[in-house]
Amino acid sequence: MLDTGTWERAAKFRLEQSEVVTCYVRNDHLGLGIPYEHDGISRHYEPDFIVRLINGVHLILEIKGFELDQVHAKHAAAKRWVSAVNNWGKLKKWDFLVCRDPQRLGQELNKLVASQT
């Protein structure tokens, strides 16, 4: 099993170094929980980070090195949440990104911002 603390520390370093990130916060006790269902049980998913990009987009960022069935349900719920919030239109634009390699996070963020302009 991977040390998610180490992966998240590496992600923080990449977020700090990125030229496309204006600010970010660890989603810890912030109240951003996304409801989802897995195996018939209602649950809440708390993404790892909330990031604001230079283009004004708010990004839900998940750091994942491995995926279980439940992870797929969480990510699908996050994508539905982003779609609903963007459709509502009152909380600016949001996006969702799963980073499977923190060393490539800067490149992934650059690519994401470039695709949104």
N, C-alpha and C. Protein backbone atom coordinates (compact mmCIF):
# COMPACT_ATOMS: atom_id res chain seq x y z
N MET A 1 0.85 -1.18 0.00
CA MET A 1 0.00 0.00 0.00
C MET A 1 0.89 1.24 0.00
N LEU A 2 0.43 2.27 -0.66
CA LEU A 2 1.21 3.50 -0.78
C LEU A 2 1.04 4.38 0.45
N ASP A 3 2.04 5.17 0.72
CA ASP A 3 1.98 6.14 1.80
C ASP A 3 1.33 7.41 1.26
N THR A 4 0.02 7.55 1.49
CA THR A 4 -0.68 8.71 0.94
C THR A 4 -0.18 10.01 1.53
N GLY A 5 0.31 9.99 2.77
CA GLY A 5 0.87 11.20 3.35
C GLY A 5 2.05 11.70 2.55
N THR A 6 2.90 10.80 2.12
CA THR A 6 4.05 11.17 1.29
C THR A 6 3.59 11.69 -0.05
N TRP A 7 2.60 11.04 -0.65
CA TRP A 7 2.08 11.47 -1.95
C TRP A 7 1.46 12.85 -1.83
N GLU A 8 0.72 13.08 -0.75
CA GLU A 8 0.09 14.39 -0.58
C GLU A 8 1.12 15.47 -0.30
N ARG A 9 2.19 15.15 0.42
CA ARG A 9 3.27 16.12 0.62
C ARG A 9 3.92 16.47 -0.72
N ALA A 10 4.12 15.47 -1.57
CA ALA A 10 4.70 15.72 -2.89
C ALA A 10 3.75 16.59 -3.72
N ALA A 11 2.46 16.35 -3.60
CA ALA A 11 1.47 17.16 -4.32
C ALA A 11 1.51 18.60 -3.82
N LYS A 12 1.61 18.81 -2.51
CA LYS A 12 1.69 20.16 -1.97
C LYS A 12 2.90 20.90 -2.54
N PHE A 13 4.02 20.21 -2.62
CA PHE A 13 5.22 20.82 -3.20
C PHE A 13 4.96 21.26 -4.63
N ARG A 14 4.33 20.40 -5.44
CA ARG A 14 4.03 20.74 -6.84
C ARG A 14 3.02 21.89 -6.92
N LEU A 15 2.04 21.91 -6.02
CA LEU A 15 1.07 23.01 -6.00
C LEU A 15 1.77 24.33 -5.69
N GLU A 16 2.69 24.29 -4.73
CA GLU A 16 3.44 25.51 -4.35
C GLU A 16 4.30 26.01 -5.52
N GLN A 17 4.84 25.10 -6.31
CA GLN A 17 5.74 25.46 -7.41
C GLN A 17 5.01 25.86 -8.69
N SER A 18 3.75 25.52 -8.80
CA SER A 18 3.02 25.72 -10.04
C SER A 18 2.72 27.19 -10.32
N GLU A 19 2.93 27.58 -11.55
CA GLU A 19 2.62 28.95 -11.98
C GLU A 19 1.15 29.13 -12.32
N VAL A 20 0.38 28.03 -12.38
CA VAL A 20 -1.04 28.14 -12.72
C VAL A 20 -1.94 28.04 -11.49
N VAL A 21 -1.34 27.91 -10.31
CA VAL A 21 -2.10 27.84 -9.06
C VAL A 21 -2.00 29.16 -8.33
N THR A 22 -3.15 29.78 -8.03
CA THR A 22 -3.12 31.02 -7.25
C THR A 22 -3.18 30.72 -5.76
N CYS A 23 -3.92 29.67 -5.38
CA CYS A 23 -3.96 29.25 -3.98
C CYS A 23 -4.58 27.85 -3.91
N TYR A 24 -4.38 27.21 -2.77
CA TYR A 24 -4.96 25.89 -2.56
C TYR A 24 -5.14 25.67 -1.06
N VAL A 25 -5.97 24.70 -0.75
CA VAL A 25 -6.19 24.36 0.65
C VAL A 25 -6.42 22.85 0.75
N ARG A 26 -5.91 22.26 1.79
CA ARG A 26 -6.20 20.85 2.08
C ARG A 26 -7.63 20.79 2.55
N ASN A 27 -8.42 19.91 2.00
CA ASN A 27 -9.83 19.79 2.36
C ASN A 27 -9.95 19.00 3.66
N ASP A 28 -9.62 19.65 4.75
CA ASP A 28 -9.64 19.02 6.06
C ASP A 28 -10.54 19.85 6.98
N HIS A 29 -11.67 19.32 7.34
CA HIS A 29 -12.65 19.99 8.20
C HIS A 29 -13.21 21.27 7.56
N LEU A 30 -13.27 21.30 6.23
CA LEU A 30 -13.84 22.46 5.54
C LEU A 30 -15.32 22.29 5.24
N GLY A 31 -15.79 21.07 5.33
CA GLY A 31 -17.20 20.82 5.08
C GLY A 31 -17.53 20.46 3.65
N LEU A 32 -16.52 20.35 2.78
CA LEU A 32 -16.79 19.94 1.41
C LEU A 32 -16.80 18.41 1.35
N GLY A 33 -17.98 17.88 1.44
CA GLY A 33 -18.18 16.45 1.30
C GLY A 33 -19.16 16.21 0.17
N ILE A 34 -18.82 15.29 -0.70
CA ILE A 34 -19.65 15.00 -1.86
C ILE A 34 -20.39 13.69 -1.61
N PRO A 35 -21.72 13.73 -1.63
CA PRO A 35 -22.47 12.49 -1.38
C PRO A 35 -22.34 11.52 -2.54
N TYR A 36 -22.27 10.24 -2.19
CA TYR A 36 -22.26 9.18 -3.21
C TYR A 36 -22.80 7.91 -2.57
N GLU A 37 -23.04 6.94 -3.42
CA GLU A 37 -23.56 5.66 -2.94
C GLU A 37 -22.65 4.55 -3.42
N HIS A 38 -22.35 3.61 -2.52
CA HIS A 38 -21.55 2.44 -2.87
C HIS A 38 -22.12 1.23 -2.15
N ASP A 39 -22.38 0.19 -2.90
CA ASP A 39 -22.98 -1.03 -2.35
C ASP A 39 -24.28 -0.75 -1.62
N GLY A 40 -25.06 0.21 -2.14
CA GLY A 40 -26.35 0.51 -1.57
C GLY A 40 -26.31 1.34 -0.29
N ILE A 41 -25.12 1.85 0.06
CA ILE A 41 -24.97 2.64 1.29
C ILE A 41 -24.60 4.07 0.90
N SER A 42 -25.32 5.04 1.47
CA SER A 42 -25.01 6.45 1.23
C SER A 42 -23.79 6.84 2.06
N ARG A 43 -22.88 7.54 1.40
CA ARG A 43 -21.63 7.95 2.06
C ARG A 43 -21.29 9.39 1.64
N HIS A 44 -20.21 9.93 2.21
CA HIS A 44 -19.68 11.23 1.81
C HIS A 44 -18.20 11.07 1.49
N TYR A 45 -17.81 11.67 0.39
CA TYR A 45 -16.44 11.64 -0.09
C TYR A 45 -15.82 13.01 0.15
N GLU A 46 -14.66 13.05 0.77
CA GLU A 46 -13.95 14.30 1.01
C GLU A 46 -12.69 14.32 0.16
N PRO A 47 -12.71 15.11 -0.92
CA PRO A 47 -11.52 15.20 -1.79
C PRO A 47 -10.32 15.75 -1.03
N ASP A 48 -9.13 15.52 -1.57
CA ASP A 48 -7.90 15.91 -0.88
C ASP A 48 -7.65 17.42 -0.85
N PHE A 49 -7.80 18.08 -1.99
CA PHE A 49 -7.47 19.51 -2.07
C PHE A 49 -8.53 20.27 -2.85
N ILE A 50 -8.62 21.56 -2.56
CA ILE A 50 -9.36 22.52 -3.38
C ILE A 50 -8.32 23.53 -3.86
N VAL A 51 -8.27 23.72 -5.17
CA VAL A 51 -7.23 24.55 -5.78
C VAL A 51 -7.89 25.63 -6.62
N ARG A 52 -7.40 26.86 -6.55
CA ARG A 52 -7.85 27.91 -7.46
C ARG A 52 -6.76 28.12 -8.49
N LEU A 53 -7.15 28.04 -9.74
CA LEU A 53 -6.22 28.19 -10.85
C LEU A 53 -6.21 29.63 -11.36
N ILE A 54 -5.19 29.99 -12.12
CA ILE A 54 -5.06 31.38 -12.58
C ILE A 54 -6.18 31.81 -13.50
N ASN A 55 -6.89 30.88 -14.09
CA ASN A 55 -8.02 31.22 -14.96
C ASN A 55 -9.33 31.35 -14.18
N GLY A 56 -9.25 31.30 -12.84
CA GLY A 56 -10.43 31.47 -11.99
C GLY A 56 -11.18 30.19 -11.70
N VAL A 57 -10.78 29.08 -12.30
CA VAL A 57 -11.44 27.80 -12.07
C VAL A 57 -11.04 27.26 -10.69
N HIS A 58 -12.03 26.74 -9.98
CA HIS A 58 -11.78 26.03 -8.73
C HIS A 58 -11.68 24.55 -9.06
N LEU A 59 -10.66 23.90 -8.56
CA LEU A 59 -10.38 22.52 -8.91
C LEU A 59 -10.47 21.64 -7.68
N ILE A 60 -11.25 20.58 -7.79
CA ILE A 60 -11.24 19.53 -6.78
C ILE A 60 -10.13 18.58 -7.20
N LEU A 61 -9.12 18.42 -6.35
CA LEU A 61 -7.95 17.62 -6.68
C LEU A 61 -7.87 16.41 -5.75
N GLU A 62 -7.82 15.25 -6.35
CA GLU A 62 -7.69 14.00 -5.61
C GLU A 62 -6.34 13.37 -5.96
N ILE A 63 -5.59 12.96 -4.95
CA ILE A 63 -4.32 12.29 -5.14
C ILE A 63 -4.55 10.80 -4.90
N LYS A 64 -4.36 9.99 -5.92
CA LYS A 64 -4.64 8.56 -5.82
C LYS A 64 -3.57 7.75 -6.52
N GLY A 65 -2.99 6.82 -5.82
CA GLY A 65 -2.01 5.93 -6.42
C GLY A 65 -2.60 4.59 -6.80
N PHE A 66 -3.73 4.27 -6.24
CA PHE A 66 -4.38 3.00 -6.52
C PHE A 66 -5.88 3.22 -6.48
N GLU A 67 -6.62 2.32 -7.09
CA GLU A 67 -8.07 2.51 -7.13
C GLU A 67 -8.79 1.22 -6.76
N LEU A 68 -9.74 1.35 -5.87
CA LEU A 68 -10.64 0.27 -5.51
C LEU A 68 -12.00 0.58 -6.13
N ASP A 69 -12.91 -0.37 -6.08
CA ASP A 69 -14.25 -0.13 -6.64
C ASP A 69 -14.89 1.11 -6.04
N GLN A 70 -14.73 1.31 -4.75
CA GLN A 70 -15.34 2.45 -4.09
C GLN A 70 -14.78 3.77 -4.63
N VAL A 71 -13.52 3.79 -5.03
CA VAL A 71 -12.90 5.00 -5.56
C VAL A 71 -13.59 5.43 -6.84
N HIS A 72 -13.95 4.47 -7.68
CA HIS A 72 -14.67 4.81 -8.92
C HIS A 72 -16.00 5.49 -8.61
N ALA A 73 -16.69 5.02 -7.59
CA ALA A 73 -17.96 5.64 -7.18
C ALA A 73 -17.73 7.06 -6.68
N LYS A 74 -16.66 7.27 -5.93
CA LYS A 74 -16.33 8.60 -5.42
C LYS A 74 -16.04 9.56 -6.58
N HIS A 75 -15.23 9.11 -7.53
CA HIS A 75 -14.85 9.99 -8.63
C HIS A 75 -16.04 10.30 -9.53
N ALA A 76 -16.90 9.33 -9.75
CA ALA A 76 -18.12 9.58 -10.53
C ALA A 76 -19.00 10.61 -9.83
N ALA A 77 -19.09 10.51 -8.50
CA ALA A 77 -19.89 11.47 -7.73
C ALA A 77 -19.27 12.86 -7.81
N ALA A 78 -17.95 12.96 -7.75
CA ALA A 78 -17.28 14.26 -7.86
C ALA A 78 -17.54 14.89 -9.22
N LYS A 79 -17.52 14.09 -10.28
CA LYS A 79 -17.80 14.62 -11.62
C LYS A 79 -19.23 15.09 -11.73
N ARG A 80 -20.17 14.37 -11.14
CA ARG A 80 -21.57 14.81 -11.14
C ARG A 80 -21.72 16.10 -10.35
N TRP A 81 -21.03 16.20 -9.21
CA TRP A 81 -21.09 17.40 -8.36
C TRP A 81 -20.59 18.60 -9.15
N VAL A 82 -19.43 18.46 -9.81
CA VAL A 82 -18.85 19.55 -10.60
C VAL A 82 -19.83 19.96 -11.70
N SER A 83 -20.41 19.00 -12.38
CA SER A 83 -21.37 19.30 -13.44
C SER A 83 -22.57 20.07 -12.90
N ALA A 84 -23.08 19.64 -11.75
CA ALA A 84 -24.24 20.31 -11.15
C ALA A 84 -23.91 21.74 -10.72
N VAL A 85 -22.75 21.92 -10.09
CA VAL A 85 -22.34 23.26 -9.63
C VAL A 85 -22.13 24.18 -10.83
N ASN A 86 -21.49 23.67 -11.87
CA ASN A 86 -21.27 24.49 -13.07
C ASN A 86 -22.59 24.82 -13.76
N ASN A 87 -23.51 23.89 -13.76
CA ASN A 87 -24.82 24.14 -14.36
C ASN A 87 -25.59 25.19 -13.56
N TRP A 88 -25.47 25.14 -12.24
CA TRP A 88 -26.13 26.12 -11.37
C TRP A 88 -25.57 27.51 -11.66
N GLY A 89 -24.25 27.62 -11.79
CA GLY A 89 -23.61 28.85 -12.23
C GLY A 89 -23.35 29.92 -11.19
N LYS A 90 -23.61 29.68 -9.92
CA LYS A 90 -23.43 30.72 -8.91
C LYS A 90 -22.15 30.59 -8.10
N LEU A 91 -21.36 29.57 -8.37
CA LEU A 91 -20.10 29.37 -7.63
C LEU A 91 -18.89 29.37 -8.55
N LYS A 92 -18.97 30.14 -9.62
CA LYS A 92 -17.92 30.20 -10.64
C LYS A 92 -17.75 28.82 -11.26
N LYS A 93 -16.67 28.62 -11.98
CA LYS A 93 -16.44 27.36 -12.69
C LYS A 93 -15.60 26.41 -11.82
N TRP A 94 -15.96 25.13 -11.86
CA TRP A 94 -15.26 24.09 -11.12
C TRP A 94 -14.83 22.99 -12.07
N ASP A 95 -13.80 22.23 -11.65
CA ASP A 95 -13.35 21.07 -12.40
C ASP A 95 -12.85 20.03 -11.40
N PHE A 96 -12.58 18.84 -11.89
CA PHE A 96 -12.14 17.72 -11.06
C PHE A 96 -10.95 17.05 -11.72
N LEU A 97 -9.92 16.75 -10.92
CA LEU A 97 -8.73 16.10 -11.45
C LEU A 97 -8.26 15.04 -10.46
N VAL A 98 -7.98 13.86 -10.99
CA VAL A 98 -7.35 12.80 -10.20
C VAL A 98 -5.90 12.74 -10.63
N CYS A 99 -5.00 12.92 -9.69
CA CYS A 99 -3.57 12.85 -9.96
C CYS A 99 -3.05 11.51 -9.43
N ARG A 100 -2.52 10.71 -10.34
CA ARG A 100 -2.01 9.39 -9.96
C ARG A 100 -0.49 9.38 -9.79
N ASP A 101 0.15 10.50 -10.11
CA ASP A 101 1.60 10.63 -9.96
C ASP A 101 1.92 12.07 -9.58
N PRO A 102 2.15 12.34 -8.30
CA PRO A 102 2.40 13.73 -7.86
C PRO A 102 3.56 14.40 -8.59
N GLN A 103 4.51 13.63 -9.08
CA GLN A 103 5.64 14.23 -9.80
C GLN A 103 5.20 14.85 -11.12
N ARG A 104 4.05 14.43 -11.63
CA ARG A 104 3.52 14.96 -12.90
C ARG A 104 2.40 15.98 -12.68
N LEU A 105 2.12 16.33 -11.44
CA LEU A 105 1.01 17.21 -11.13
C LEU A 105 1.14 18.56 -11.82
N GLY A 106 2.32 19.16 -11.81
CA GLY A 106 2.51 20.45 -12.47
C GLY A 106 2.14 20.39 -13.94
N GLN A 107 2.58 19.34 -14.62
CA GLN A 107 2.26 19.17 -16.04
C GLN A 107 0.76 18.99 -16.25
N GLU A 108 0.13 18.22 -15.37
CA GLU A 108 -1.31 17.99 -15.49
C GLU A 108 -2.09 19.29 -15.29
N LEU A 109 -1.66 20.11 -14.33
CA LEU A 109 -2.33 21.39 -14.09
C LEU A 109 -2.15 22.33 -15.29
N ASN A 110 -0.94 22.38 -15.84
CA ASN A 110 -0.70 23.21 -17.02
C ASN A 110 -1.58 22.79 -18.18
N LYS A 111 -1.67 21.50 -18.39
CA LYS A 111 -2.50 20.97 -19.48
C LYS A 111 -3.98 21.31 -19.26
N LEU A 112 -4.43 21.19 -18.01
CA LEU A 112 -5.81 21.50 -17.69
C LEU A 112 -6.13 22.96 -17.97
N VAL A 113 -5.28 23.87 -17.51
CA VAL A 113 -5.50 25.30 -17.73
C VAL A 113 -5.48 25.62 -19.22
N ALA A 114 -4.53 25.04 -19.95
CA ALA A 114 -4.45 25.28 -21.39
C ALA A 114 -5.70 24.81 -22.12
N SER A 115 -6.30 23.72 -21.66
CA SER A 115 -7.49 23.20 -22.33
C SER A 115 -8.74 24.02 -22.02
N GLN A 116 -8.69 24.85 -21.00
CA GLN A 116 -9.85 25.64 -20.59
C GLN A 116 -9.83 27.05 -21.16
N THR A 117 -8.78 27.42 -21.87
CA THR A 117 -8.72 28.79 -22.40
C THR A 117 -9.16 28.86 -23.83
